[in-house]
Amino acid sequence: MTHPTEYRGWNVHYDNPPIPLRSMDWSATSPDYDVDCDSESCWVCAGQQVHAATYDELVNEIDAAIEEGAPTPTKDSRE
């Protein structure tokens, strides 16, 4: 079964690794997703990522993230 690689502007990825945890087989990143790194760590500075066990669940997660307009985490908010 082939699924789109994009939904509502989000990049969709399928990775079925050989582990028993299936809840993260599907992932999506928002169009504005960005990570920044320094010499000690990396952090999300823009955008969002969502994960799900199935494509249909992923679509629901993307829709919810868009509707919520959740603020994105920053380095300062992690401290």
Protein backbone atom coordinates (compact mmCIF):
# COMPACT_ATOMS: atom_id res chain seq x y z
CA MET A 1 0.00 0.00 0.00
CA THR A 2 1.38 3.37 -1.00
CA HIS A 3 0.68 6.49 1.04
CA PRO A 4 1.41 10.12 0.25
CA THR A 5 4.74 11.53 1.36
CA GLU A 6 3.05 14.80 2.25
CA TYR A 7 -0.17 15.76 4.03
CA ARG A 8 -1.29 19.38 4.48
CA GLY A 9 2.28 20.53 3.85
CA TRP A 10 3.80 18.17 6.43
CA ASN A 11 6.46 15.66 5.32
CA VAL A 12 5.28 12.12 6.07
CA HIS A 13 7.68 9.24 6.77
CA TYR A 14 7.12 5.52 7.32
CA ASP A 15 9.77 3.50 9.14
CA ASN A 16 8.94 -0.02 10.26
CA PRO A 17 12.04 -0.96 12.27
CA PRO A 18 12.47 -4.48 13.61
CA ILE A 19 11.42 -3.65 17.16
CA PRO A 20 8.20 -4.42 19.05
CA LEU A 21 7.24 -0.75 19.53
CA ARG A 22 4.81 0.11 16.71
CA SER A 23 3.50 3.44 18.04
CA MET A 24 6.12 5.46 16.15
CA ASP A 25 6.19 3.71 12.75
CA TRP A 26 4.75 6.85 11.13
CA SER A 27 6.11 10.35 11.66
CA ALA A 28 5.56 13.77 10.16
CA THR A 29 7.38 17.08 10.37
CA SER A 30 5.78 20.46 9.86
CA PRO A 31 6.93 22.67 6.98
CA ASP A 32 8.67 25.09 9.35
CA TYR A 33 10.49 22.39 11.37
CA ASP A 34 14.05 23.35 12.26
CA VAL A 35 16.65 22.14 14.76
CA ASP A 36 19.52 24.18 16.11
CA CYS A 37 22.63 22.74 17.73
CA ASP A 38 25.53 24.02 19.75
CA SER A 39 28.56 22.14 21.03
CA GLU A 40 26.55 20.53 23.85
CA SER A 41 23.09 19.69 22.53
CA CYS A 42 20.40 20.14 19.90
CA TRP A 43 16.88 21.50 20.26
CA VAL A 44 13.83 22.19 18.15
CA CYS A 45 13.72 25.89 17.40
CA ALA A 46 10.72 25.91 15.06
CA GLY A 47 7.92 23.63 13.93
CA GLN A 48 6.63 20.35 15.23
CA GLN A 49 6.90 16.58 14.82
CA VAL A 50 4.14 14.05 15.42
CA HIS A 51 4.22 10.23 15.57
CA ALA A 52 1.64 7.48 15.24
CA ALA A 53 1.22 3.73 14.73
CA THR A 54 -0.79 4.02 11.49
CA TYR A 55 -1.15 6.46 8.62
CA ASP A 56 -4.75 7.25 9.60
CA GLU A 57 -3.68 8.02 13.17
CA LEU A 58 -0.87 10.22 11.82
CA VAL A 59 -3.32 12.22 9.72
CA ASN A 60 -5.41 12.79 12.87
CA GLU A 61 -2.29 13.91 14.79
CA ILE A 62 -1.34 16.35 12.04
CA ASP A 63 -4.87 17.77 11.92
CA ALA A 64 -4.88 18.18 15.71
CA ALA A 65 -1.46 19.88 15.70
CA ILE A 66 -2.57 22.33 13.03
CA GLU A 67 -5.85 23.09 14.79
CA GLU A 68 -4.18 23.55 18.18
CA GLY A 69 -1.51 25.81 16.78
CA ALA A 70 0.61 24.59 19.68
CA PRO A 71 3.61 26.72 20.50
CA THR A 72 6.89 25.15 19.51
CA PRO A 73 9.49 24.40 22.16
CA THR A 74 12.58 26.56 22.37
CA LYS A 75 15.91 26.10 24.12
CA ASP A 76 14.86 28.59 26.82
CA SER A 77 11.58 26.77 27.53
CA ARG A 78 13.47 23.53 28.25
CA GLU A 79 15.46 25.02 31.13
